[in-house]
């Protein structure tokens, strides 16, 4: 198995709010310093990649500027030598502006920019094409929509090997079986039908999905029958990640160091079979 799934650990451009206590306890002061957080991801936690989440650029939140976002990404690129993934806030219009500025700021280092959606793929793909980056193409759990978006992006001149598929997913207990099925169908189309527009690597942004689940977030006071809250959250994320790896994911975007350690052990065991 020459290309095992890779684990990307996510960091945020601003201190995350309302995270579950097991997450903040595990990461401590790192969550207030993106560059230091990125170094810890690689040097302490063994991440293969770092995923920068530009959550503060959301117009419905802090609405930080494209320039501020670009400065954060630049600091992370300078801090580590592993591949960098960059996700905007999910606001299509703002992401187009933000990711264009990010692409320019790190023109000397290829990164992956996303999410590029049906509503904003043109400026993001153009920025990737102009500055030598990769595009993360995100669609809402649908094989045909994923394929169509890849066609549109490559028609702009971006090579197919510079596109990642983000098929969208839920966590265990929250629609993961639907996402898993779509991922399987993408892989079957790529392998059995030799469909070039489904042969790109798949990335799943699973950390946020796993840790928004009630089962991962609820405290022992809230749900005493559910057992140890810290262990429960770690297992919820790890189980989600292993499931999606089995479904064909190539890049797993994760949060908790202990979850990452569990998943790495599982992947190594699967690859040795």
C-alpha atoms as a PDB file:
ATOM      1  CA  UNK A   1       0.000   0.000   0.000  1.00  0.00           C
ATOM      2  CA  UNK A   2       2.294   2.804  -1.230  1.00  0.00           C
ATOM      3  CA  UNK A   3      -0.018   5.728  -0.456  1.00  0.00           C
ATOM      4  CA  UNK A   4      -1.462   5.310   3.006  1.00  0.00           C
ATOM      5  CA  UNK A   5      -4.080   7.791   4.229  1.00  0.00           C
ATOM      6  CA  UNK A   6      -2.491  10.923   5.686  1.00  0.00           C
ATOM      7  CA  UNK A   7      -3.530  12.683   8.880  1.00  0.00           C
ATOM      8  CA  UNK A   8      -3.839  16.466   8.831  1.00  0.00           C
ATOM      9  CA  UNK A   9      -4.182  18.169  12.187  1.00  0.00           C
ATOM     10  CA  UNK A  10      -6.208  21.345  12.164  1.00  0.00           C
ATOM     11  CA  UNK A  11      -5.309  24.685  13.694  1.00  0.00           C
ATOM     12  CA  UNK A  12      -7.392  27.858  13.834  1.00  0.00           C
ATOM     13  CA  UNK A  13      -6.528  31.431  12.932  1.00  0.00           C
ATOM     14  CA  UNK A  14      -8.089  32.656  16.182  1.00  0.00           C
ATOM     15  CA  UNK A  15      -8.691  31.010  19.539  1.00  0.00           C
ATOM     16  CA  UNK A  16     -11.635  28.599  19.094  1.00  0.00           C
ATOM     17  CA  UNK A  17     -14.678  29.378  21.176  1.00  0.00           C
ATOM     18  CA  UNK A  18     -16.987  26.863  22.858  1.00  0.00           C
ATOM     19  CA  UNK A  19     -14.753  23.867  22.276  1.00  0.00           C
ATOM     20  CA  UNK A  20     -15.308  20.807  24.443  1.00  0.00           C
ATOM     21  CA  UNK A  21     -13.124  20.783  27.556  1.00  0.00           C
ATOM     22  CA  UNK A  22     -11.181  17.626  26.545  1.00  0.00           C
ATOM     23  CA  UNK A  23      -9.966  19.481  23.441  1.00  0.00           C
ATOM     24  CA  UNK A  24      -8.871  22.647  25.216  1.00  0.00           C
ATOM     25  CA  UNK A  25      -7.236  20.603  27.991  1.00  0.00           C
ATOM     26  CA  UNK A  26      -5.258  18.570  25.458  1.00  0.00           C
ATOM     27  CA  UNK A  27      -4.011  21.587  23.512  1.00  0.00           C
ATOM     28  CA  UNK A  28      -3.657  24.194  26.254  1.00  0.00           C
ATOM     29  CA  UNK A  29      -2.148  27.542  25.291  1.00  0.00           C
ATOM     30  CA  UNK A  30      -1.356  26.338  21.773  1.00  0.00           C
ATOM     31  CA  UNK A  31      -4.829  27.306  20.592  1.00  0.00           C
ATOM     32  CA  UNK A  32      -3.962  31.001  20.896  1.00  0.00           C
ATOM     33  CA  UNK A  33      -0.826  30.848  18.704  1.00  0.00           C
ATOM     34  CA  UNK A  34      -1.309  29.380  15.195  1.00  0.00           C
ATOM     35  CA  UNK A  35       2.413  29.054  14.390  1.00  0.00           C
ATOM     36  CA  UNK A  36       3.255  27.353  17.698  1.00  0.00           C
ATOM     37  CA  UNK A  37       0.175  25.162  17.314  1.00  0.00           C
ATOM     38  CA  UNK A  38       1.328  24.125  13.846  1.00  0.00           C
ATOM     39  CA  UNK A  39       4.800  23.213  15.115  1.00  0.00           C
ATOM     40  CA  UNK A  40       3.286  21.120  17.907  1.00  0.00           C
ATOM     41  CA  UNK A  41       1.056  19.315  15.420  1.00  0.00           C
ATOM     42  CA  UNK A  42       4.127  18.133  13.554  1.00  0.00           C
ATOM     43  CA  UNK A  43       6.781  17.795  16.240  1.00  0.00           C
ATOM     44  CA  UNK A  44       4.681  16.568  19.191  1.00  0.00           C
ATOM     45  CA  UNK A  45       1.644  14.936  17.642  1.00  0.00           C
ATOM     46  CA  UNK A  46       3.126  13.543  14.415  1.00  0.00           C
ATOM     47  CA  UNK A  47       0.713  15.085  11.912  1.00  0.00           C
ATOM     48  CA  UNK A  48       1.541  14.470   8.251  1.00  0.00           C
ATOM     49  CA  UNK A  49      -0.059  17.782   7.269  1.00  0.00           C
ATOM     50  CA  UNK A  50      -1.440  20.919   8.895  1.00  0.00           C
ATOM     51  CA  UNK A  51      -4.900  22.280   8.064  1.00  0.00           C
ATOM     52  CA  UNK A  52      -5.430  25.979   8.761  1.00  0.00           C
ATOM     53  CA  UNK A  53      -9.080  26.793   9.454  1.00  0.00           C
ATOM     54  CA  UNK A  54      -9.748  30.491   8.764  1.00  0.00           C
ATOM     55  CA  UNK A  55     -12.889  30.513  10.898  1.00  0.00           C
ATOM     56  CA  UNK A  56     -12.491  34.129  12.010  1.00  0.00           C
ATOM     57  CA  UNK A  57     -13.029  35.389   8.447  1.00  0.00           C
ATOM     58  CA  UNK A  58     -16.727  34.470   8.616  1.00  0.00           C
ATOM     59  CA  UNK A  59     -18.784  37.652   7.948  1.00  0.00           C
ATOM     60  CA  UNK A  60     -21.270  36.428  10.526  1.00  0.00           C
ATOM     61  CA  UNK A  61     -18.528  36.190  13.137  1.00  0.00           C
ATOM     62  CA  UNK A  62     -15.348  38.174  13.654  1.00  0.00           C
ATOM     63  CA  UNK A  63     -15.195  39.026   9.929  1.00  0.00           C
ATOM     64  CA  UNK A  64     -11.408  39.319   9.943  1.00  0.00           C
ATOM     65  CA  UNK A  65      -9.819  40.603   6.765  1.00  0.00           C
ATOM     66  CA  UNK A  66      -8.252  38.647   3.902  1.00  0.00           C
ATOM     67  CA  UNK A  67      -4.956  40.333   4.782  1.00  0.00           C
ATOM     68  CA  UNK A  68      -5.117  39.076   8.371  1.00  0.00           C
ATOM     69  CA  UNK A  69      -5.933  35.569   7.155  1.00  0.00           C
ATOM     70  CA  UNK A  70      -3.039  35.633   4.705  1.00  0.00           C
ATOM     71  CA  UNK A  71      -0.658  36.695   7.481  1.00  0.00           C
ATOM     72  CA  UNK A  72      -1.728  33.728   9.630  1.00  0.00           C
ATOM     73  CA  UNK A  73      -1.213  31.272   6.788  1.00  0.00           C
ATOM     74  CA  UNK A  74       2.172  32.834   6.017  1.00  0.00           C
ATOM     75  CA  UNK A  75       3.245  32.339   9.644  1.00  0.00           C
ATOM     76  CA  UNK A  76       2.208  28.681   9.539  1.00  0.00           C
ATOM     77  CA  UNK A  77       3.991  28.050   6.232  1.00  0.00           C
ATOM     78  CA  UNK A  78       7.145  29.548   7.757  1.00  0.00           C
ATOM     79  CA  UNK A  79       6.793  27.461  10.931  1.00  0.00           C
ATOM     80  CA  UNK A  80       6.567  23.945   9.461  1.00  0.00           C
ATOM     81  CA  UNK A  81       7.809  21.994   6.453  1.00  0.00           C
ATOM     82  CA  UNK A  82       4.857  19.636   5.961  1.00  0.00           C
ATOM     83  CA  UNK A  83       2.062  20.180   3.382  1.00  0.00           C
ATOM     84  CA  UNK A  84      -0.458  22.880   4.297  1.00  0.00           C
ATOM     85  CA  UNK A  85      -4.210  22.817   3.708  1.00  0.00           C
ATOM     86  CA  UNK A  86      -6.237  26.018   4.036  1.00  0.00           C
ATOM     87  CA  UNK A  87      -9.986  26.121   4.607  1.00  0.00           C
ATOM     88  CA  UNK A  88     -12.011  29.321   4.585  1.00  0.00           C
ATOM     89  CA  UNK A  89     -15.008  29.926   6.824  1.00  0.00           C
ATOM     90  CA  UNK A  90     -17.531  28.354   4.450  1.00  0.00           C
ATOM     91  CA  UNK A  91     -18.981  31.679   3.324  1.00  0.00           C
ATOM     92  CA  UNK A  92     -18.698  31.398  -0.456  1.00  0.00           C
ATOM     93  CA  UNK A  93     -18.236  35.086  -1.278  1.00  0.00           C
ATOM     94  CA  UNK A  94     -15.798  35.850   1.528  1.00  0.00           C
ATOM     95  CA  UNK A  95     -13.800  32.666   0.913  1.00  0.00           C
ATOM     96  CA  UNK A  96     -13.220  33.719  -2.675  1.00  0.00           C
ATOM     97  CA  UNK A  97     -11.647  36.974  -1.475  1.00  0.00           C
ATOM     98  CA  UNK A  98      -9.726  35.415   1.396  1.00  0.00           C
ATOM     99  CA  UNK A  99      -8.240  32.491  -0.509  1.00  0.00           C
ATOM    100  CA  UNK A 100      -7.127  34.724  -3.364  1.00  0.00           C
ATOM    101  CA  UNK A 101      -5.133  36.818  -0.891  1.00  0.00           C
ATOM    102  CA  UNK A 102      -3.751  33.686   0.797  1.00  0.00           C
ATOM    103  CA  UNK A 103      -2.679  32.254  -2.573  1.00  0.00           C
ATOM    104  CA  UNK A 104      -0.729  35.413  -3.307  1.00  0.00           C
ATOM    105  CA  UNK A 105       0.871  35.587   0.150  1.00  0.00           C
ATOM    106  CA  UNK A 106       2.300  32.057  -0.066  1.00  0.00           C
ATOM    107  CA  UNK A 107       3.071  31.965  -3.783  1.00  0.00           C
ATOM    108  CA  UNK A 108       6.469  30.430  -2.986  1.00  0.00           C
ATOM    109  CA  UNK A 109       4.927  27.383  -1.267  1.00  0.00           C
ATOM    110  CA  UNK A 110       2.164  25.250  -2.828  1.00  0.00           C
ATOM    111  CA  UNK A 111      -0.828  24.836  -0.503  1.00  0.00           C
ATOM    112  CA  UNK A 112      -4.330  23.410  -0.923  1.00  0.00           C
ATOM    113  CA  UNK A 113      -7.130  26.000  -0.939  1.00  0.00           C
ATOM    114  CA  UNK A 114     -10.763  25.330  -0.115  1.00  0.00           C
ATOM    115  CA  UNK A 115     -13.560  24.869   0.051  1.00  0.00           C
ATOM    116  CA  UNK A 116     -14.164  25.642  -3.608  1.00  0.00           C
ATOM    117  CA  UNK A 117     -17.870  25.172  -4.239  1.00  0.00           C
ATOM    118  CA  UNK A 118     -20.236  25.618  -7.140  1.00  0.00           C
ATOM    119  CA  UNK A 119     -20.738  29.221  -5.993  1.00  0.00           C
ATOM    120  CA  UNK A 120     -17.104  30.323  -5.756  1.00  0.00           C
ATOM    121  CA  UNK A 121     -14.842  27.877  -7.591  1.00  0.00           C
ATOM    122  CA  UNK A 122     -13.869  30.379 -10.289  1.00  0.00           C
ATOM    123  CA  UNK A 123     -11.860  32.872  -8.179  1.00  0.00           C
ATOM    124  CA  UNK A 124     -10.334  30.086  -6.084  1.00  0.00           C
ATOM    125  CA  UNK A 125      -9.319  27.979  -9.094  1.00  0.00           C
ATOM    126  CA  UNK A 126      -7.958  31.082 -10.825  1.00  0.00           C
ATOM    127  CA  UNK A 127      -5.853  31.914  -7.761  1.00  0.00           C
ATOM    128  CA  UNK A 128      -4.558  28.343  -7.563  1.00  0.00           C
ATOM    129  CA  UNK A 129      -3.737  28.393 -11.254  1.00  0.00           C
ATOM    130  CA  UNK A 130      -1.975  31.728 -11.043  1.00  0.00           C
ATOM    131  CA  UNK A 131       0.099  31.015  -7.939  1.00  0.00           C
ATOM    132  CA  UNK A 132       0.755  27.273  -8.244  1.00  0.00           C
ATOM    133  CA  UNK A 133      -1.601  25.859  -5.619  1.00  0.00           C
ATOM    134  CA  UNK A 134      -4.099  22.989  -5.251  1.00  0.00           C
ATOM    135  CA  UNK A 135      -7.896  23.309  -4.991  1.00  0.00           C
ATOM    136  CA  UNK A 136     -10.141  21.477  -2.518  1.00  0.00           C
ATOM    137  CA  UNK A 137     -13.444  20.955  -4.344  1.00  0.00           C
ATOM    138  CA  UNK A 138     -16.334  20.535  -1.905  1.00  0.00           C
ATOM    139  CA  UNK A 139     -19.814  19.281  -2.800  1.00  0.00           C
ATOM    140  CA  UNK A 140     -22.755  18.228  -0.590  1.00  0.00           C
ATOM    141  CA  UNK A 141     -22.534  14.407  -0.481  1.00  0.00           C
ATOM    142  CA  UNK A 142     -23.374  13.701  -4.112  1.00  0.00           C
ATOM    143  CA  UNK A 143     -21.329  11.754  -6.683  1.00  0.00           C
ATOM    144  CA  UNK A 144     -22.574  13.583  -9.771  1.00  0.00           C
ATOM    145  CA  UNK A 145     -22.107  17.019  -8.191  1.00  0.00           C
ATOM    146  CA  UNK A 146     -18.551  16.119  -7.170  1.00  0.00           C
ATOM    147  CA  UNK A 147     -17.721  14.967 -10.666  1.00  0.00           C
ATOM    148  CA  UNK A 148     -19.302  18.045 -12.268  1.00  0.00           C
ATOM    149  CA  UNK A 149     -17.386  20.451 -10.041  1.00  0.00           C
ATOM    150  CA  UNK A 150     -14.127  18.705 -10.906  1.00  0.00           C
ATOM    151  CA  UNK A 151     -14.962  19.063 -14.594  1.00  0.00           C
ATOM    152  CA  UNK A 152     -15.651  22.786 -14.188  1.00  0.00           C
ATOM    153  CA  UNK A 153     -12.412  23.375 -12.295  1.00  0.00           C
ATOM    154  CA  UNK A 154     -10.246  21.461 -14.762  1.00  0.00           C
ATOM    155  CA  UNK A 155     -11.907  23.253 -17.684  1.00  0.00           C
ATOM    156  CA  UNK A 156     -10.409  26.445 -16.259  1.00  0.00           C
ATOM    157  CA  UNK A 157      -6.982  24.968 -16.956  1.00  0.00           C
ATOM    158  CA  UNK A 158      -6.092  23.527 -13.553  1.00  0.00           C
ATOM    159  CA  UNK A 159      -4.621  20.046 -13.908  1.00  0.00           C
ATOM    160  CA  UNK A 160      -6.627  17.179 -12.434  1.00  0.00           C
ATOM    161  CA  UNK A 161      -3.697  16.242 -10.187  1.00  0.00           C
ATOM    162  CA  UNK A 162      -4.070  19.618  -8.471  1.00  0.00           C
ATOM    163  CA  UNK A 163      -7.621  18.929  -7.277  1.00  0.00           C
ATOM    164  CA  UNK A 164      -8.746  17.250  -4.048  1.00  0.00           C
ATOM    165  CA  UNK A 165     -12.302  15.983  -3.607  1.00  0.00           C
ATOM    166  CA  UNK A 166     -14.086  16.948  -0.381  1.00  0.00           C
ATOM    167  CA  UNK A 167     -17.313  14.927  -0.621  1.00  0.00           C
ATOM    168  CA  UNK A 168     -18.602  16.302   2.734  1.00  0.00           C
ATOM    169  CA  UNK A 169     -19.428  13.967   5.579  1.00  0.00           C
ATOM    170  CA  UNK A 170     -21.053  13.633   8.961  1.00  0.00           C
ATOM    171  CA  UNK A 171     -19.734  11.991  12.111  1.00  0.00           C
ATOM    172  CA  UNK A 172     -20.604   8.596  13.518  1.00  0.00           C
ATOM    173  CA  UNK A 173     -24.301   8.710  14.323  1.00  0.00           C
ATOM    174  CA  UNK A 174     -24.906  11.755  12.126  1.00  0.00           C
ATOM    175  CA  UNK A 175     -25.246  10.517   8.562  1.00  0.00           C
ATOM    176  CA  UNK A 176     -21.805   8.994   8.162  1.00  0.00           C
ATOM    177  CA  UNK A 177     -23.281   5.999   6.339  1.00  0.00           C
ATOM    178  CA  UNK A 178     -24.576   8.293   3.585  1.00  0.00           C
ATOM    179  CA  UNK A 179     -21.212  10.005   3.160  1.00  0.00           C
ATOM    180  CA  UNK A 180     -19.433   6.650   3.265  1.00  0.00           C
ATOM    181  CA  UNK A 181     -21.638   5.339   0.459  1.00  0.00           C
ATOM    182  CA  UNK A 182     -20.932   8.382  -1.725  1.00  0.00           C
ATOM    183  CA  UNK A 183     -17.201   7.929  -1.135  1.00  0.00           C
ATOM    184  CA  UNK A 184     -17.449   4.271  -2.126  1.00  0.00           C
ATOM    185  CA  UNK A 185     -19.283   5.204  -5.301  1.00  0.00           C
ATOM    186  CA  UNK A 186     -16.634   7.775  -6.183  1.00  0.00           C
ATOM    187  CA  UNK A 187     -13.934   5.151  -5.710  1.00  0.00           C
ATOM    188  CA  UNK A 188     -15.839   2.581  -7.765  1.00  0.00           C
ATOM    189  CA  UNK A 189     -16.271   5.066 -10.593  1.00  0.00           C
ATOM    190  CA  UNK A 190     -12.562   5.873 -10.452  1.00  0.00           C
ATOM    191  CA  UNK A 191     -11.418   2.251 -10.424  1.00  0.00           C
ATOM    192  CA  UNK A 192     -14.054   0.285 -12.332  1.00  0.00           C
ATOM    193  CA  UNK A 193     -15.091   2.891 -14.880  1.00  0.00           C
ATOM    194  CA  UNK A 194     -11.693   4.620 -15.177  1.00  0.00           C
ATOM    195  CA  UNK A 195     -13.461   7.961 -14.730  1.00  0.00           C
ATOM    196  CA  UNK A 196     -10.709  10.591 -14.566  1.00  0.00           C
ATOM    197  CA  UNK A 197     -12.993  13.120 -12.891  1.00  0.00           C
ATOM    198  CA  UNK A 198     -13.411  10.878  -9.842  1.00  0.00           C
ATOM    199  CA  UNK A 199      -9.792   9.754  -9.513  1.00  0.00           C
ATOM    200  CA  UNK A 200      -8.577  12.686  -7.413  1.00  0.00           C
ATOM    201  CA  UNK A 201      -7.595  12.036  -3.778  1.00  0.00           C
ATOM    202  CA  UNK A 202     -10.368  12.523  -1.229  1.00  0.00           C
ATOM    203  CA  UNK A 203     -10.118  14.727   1.850  1.00  0.00           C
ATOM    204  CA  UNK A 204     -12.606  14.621   4.740  1.00  0.00           C
ATOM    205  CA  UNK A 205     -12.851  17.556   7.151  1.00  0.00           C
ATOM    206  CA  UNK A 206     -14.036  15.336   9.979  1.00  0.00           C
ATOM    207  CA  UNK A 207     -12.741  16.921  13.170  1.00  0.00           C
ATOM    208  CA  UNK A 208     -15.418  19.597  13.288  1.00  0.00           C
ATOM    209  CA  UNK A 209     -18.136  17.039  12.568  1.00  0.00           C
ATOM    210  CA  UNK A 210     -17.043  14.604  15.258  1.00  0.00           C
ATOM    211  CA  UNK A 211     -16.666  17.258  17.956  1.00  0.00           C
ATOM    212  CA  UNK A 212     -19.985  18.953  17.255  1.00  0.00           C
ATOM    213  CA  UNK A 213     -21.791  15.674  18.025  1.00  0.00           C
ATOM    214  CA  UNK A 214     -23.622  15.713  21.343  1.00  0.00           C
ATOM    215  CA  UNK A 215     -22.068  12.379  22.247  1.00  0.00           C
ATOM    216  CA  UNK A 216     -18.574  13.907  21.966  1.00  0.00           C
ATOM    217  CA  UNK A 217     -19.386  17.197  23.720  1.00  0.00           C
ATOM    218  CA  UNK A 218     -21.727  16.280  26.586  1.00  0.00           C
ATOM    219  CA  UNK A 219     -20.189  16.411  30.049  1.00  0.00           C
ATOM    220  CA  UNK A 220     -20.531  13.644  32.605  1.00  0.00           C
ATOM    221  CA  UNK A 221     -22.903  15.849  34.602  1.00  0.00           C
ATOM    222  CA  UNK A 222     -25.150  16.243  31.554  1.00  0.00           C
ATOM    223  CA  UNK A 223     -25.077  12.568  30.587  1.00  0.00           C
ATOM    224  CA  UNK A 224     -23.816  10.494  33.534  1.00  0.00           C
ATOM    225  CA  UNK A 225     -24.718   7.195  31.864  1.00  0.00           C
ATOM    226  CA  UNK A 226     -22.394   7.900  28.934  1.00  0.00           C
ATOM    227  CA  UNK A 227     -19.181   7.536  30.924  1.00  0.00           C
ATOM    228  CA  UNK A 228     -15.888   9.425  30.804  1.00  0.00           C
ATOM    229  CA  UNK A 229     -16.342  12.535  28.648  1.00  0.00           C
ATOM    230  CA  UNK A 230     -12.700  12.886  27.608  1.00  0.00           C
ATOM    231  CA  UNK A 231     -12.419   9.283  26.492  1.00  0.00           C
ATOM    232  CA  UNK A 232     -15.806   9.435  24.741  1.00  0.00           C
ATOM    233  CA  UNK A 233     -14.870  12.444  22.608  1.00  0.00           C
ATOM    234  CA  UNK A 234     -11.544  10.934  21.585  1.00  0.00           C
ATOM    235  CA  UNK A 235     -13.201   7.684  20.573  1.00  0.00           C
ATOM    236  CA  UNK A 236     -15.979   9.497  18.680  1.00  0.00           C
ATOM    237  CA  UNK A 237     -13.437  11.291  16.507  1.00  0.00           C
ATOM    238  CA  UNK A 238     -11.212   8.239  16.065  1.00  0.00           C
ATOM    239  CA  UNK A 239     -14.120   5.991  15.090  1.00  0.00           C
ATOM    240  CA  UNK A 240     -15.342   8.583  12.590  1.00  0.00           C
ATOM    241  CA  UNK A 241     -11.855   8.861  11.061  1.00  0.00           C
ATOM    242  CA  UNK A 242     -11.270   5.109  10.773  1.00  0.00           C
ATOM    243  CA  UNK A 243     -14.688   4.632   9.191  1.00  0.00           C
ATOM    244  CA  UNK A 244     -13.989   7.293   6.563  1.00  0.00           C
ATOM    245  CA  UNK A 245     -10.525   5.882   5.871  1.00  0.00           C
ATOM    246  CA  UNK A 246     -12.185   2.538   5.160  1.00  0.00           C
ATOM    247  CA  UNK A 247     -14.527   4.379   2.799  1.00  0.00           C
ATOM    248  CA  UNK A 248     -11.609   5.633   0.715  1.00  0.00           C
ATOM    249  CA  UNK A 249     -10.456   8.892   2.300  1.00  0.00           C
ATOM    250  CA  UNK A 250      -6.853   9.853   1.559  1.00  0.00           C
ATOM    251  CA  UNK A 251      -6.563  12.823   3.955  1.00  0.00           C
ATOM    252  CA  UNK A 252      -8.194  12.854   7.395  1.00  0.00           C
ATOM    253  CA  UNK A 253      -8.474  16.311   8.992  1.00  0.00           C
ATOM    254  CA  UNK A 254      -8.519  15.788  12.771  1.00  0.00           C
ATOM    255  CA  UNK A 255      -8.314  17.669  16.100  1.00  0.00           C
ATOM    256  CA  UNK A 256      -7.433  15.700  19.221  1.00  0.00           C
ATOM    257  CA  UNK A 257      -3.873  14.343  19.653  1.00  0.00           C
ATOM    258  CA  UNK A 258      -5.099  11.135  21.286  1.00  0.00           C
ATOM    259  CA  UNK A 259      -7.580  10.501  18.471  1.00  0.00           C
ATOM    260  CA  UNK A 260      -4.761  10.956  15.974  1.00  0.00           C
ATOM    261  CA  UNK A 261      -2.578   8.436  17.813  1.00  0.00           C
ATOM    262  CA  UNK A 262      -5.381   5.860  17.787  1.00  0.00           C
ATOM    263  CA  UNK A 263      -6.095   6.358  14.102  1.00  0.00           C
ATOM    264  CA  UNK A 264      -2.429   6.150  13.158  1.00  0.00           C
ATOM    265  CA  UNK A 265      -2.149   2.811  14.948  1.00  0.00           C
ATOM    266  CA  UNK A 266      -5.253   1.543  13.145  1.00  0.00           C
ATOM    267  CA  UNK A 267      -3.996   2.669   9.735  1.00  0.00           C
ATOM    268  CA  UNK A 268      -0.617   1.042  10.279  1.00  0.00           C
ATOM    269  CA  UNK A 269      -2.352  -2.175  11.273  1.00  0.00           C
ATOM    270  CA  UNK A 270      -4.574  -2.133   8.192  1.00  0.00           C
ATOM    271  CA  UNK A 271      -1.633  -1.423   5.879  1.00  0.00           C
ATOM    272  CA  UNK A 272       0.279  -4.388   7.292  1.00  0.00           C
ATOM    273  CA  UNK A 273      -2.447  -6.883   6.420  1.00  0.00           C
END
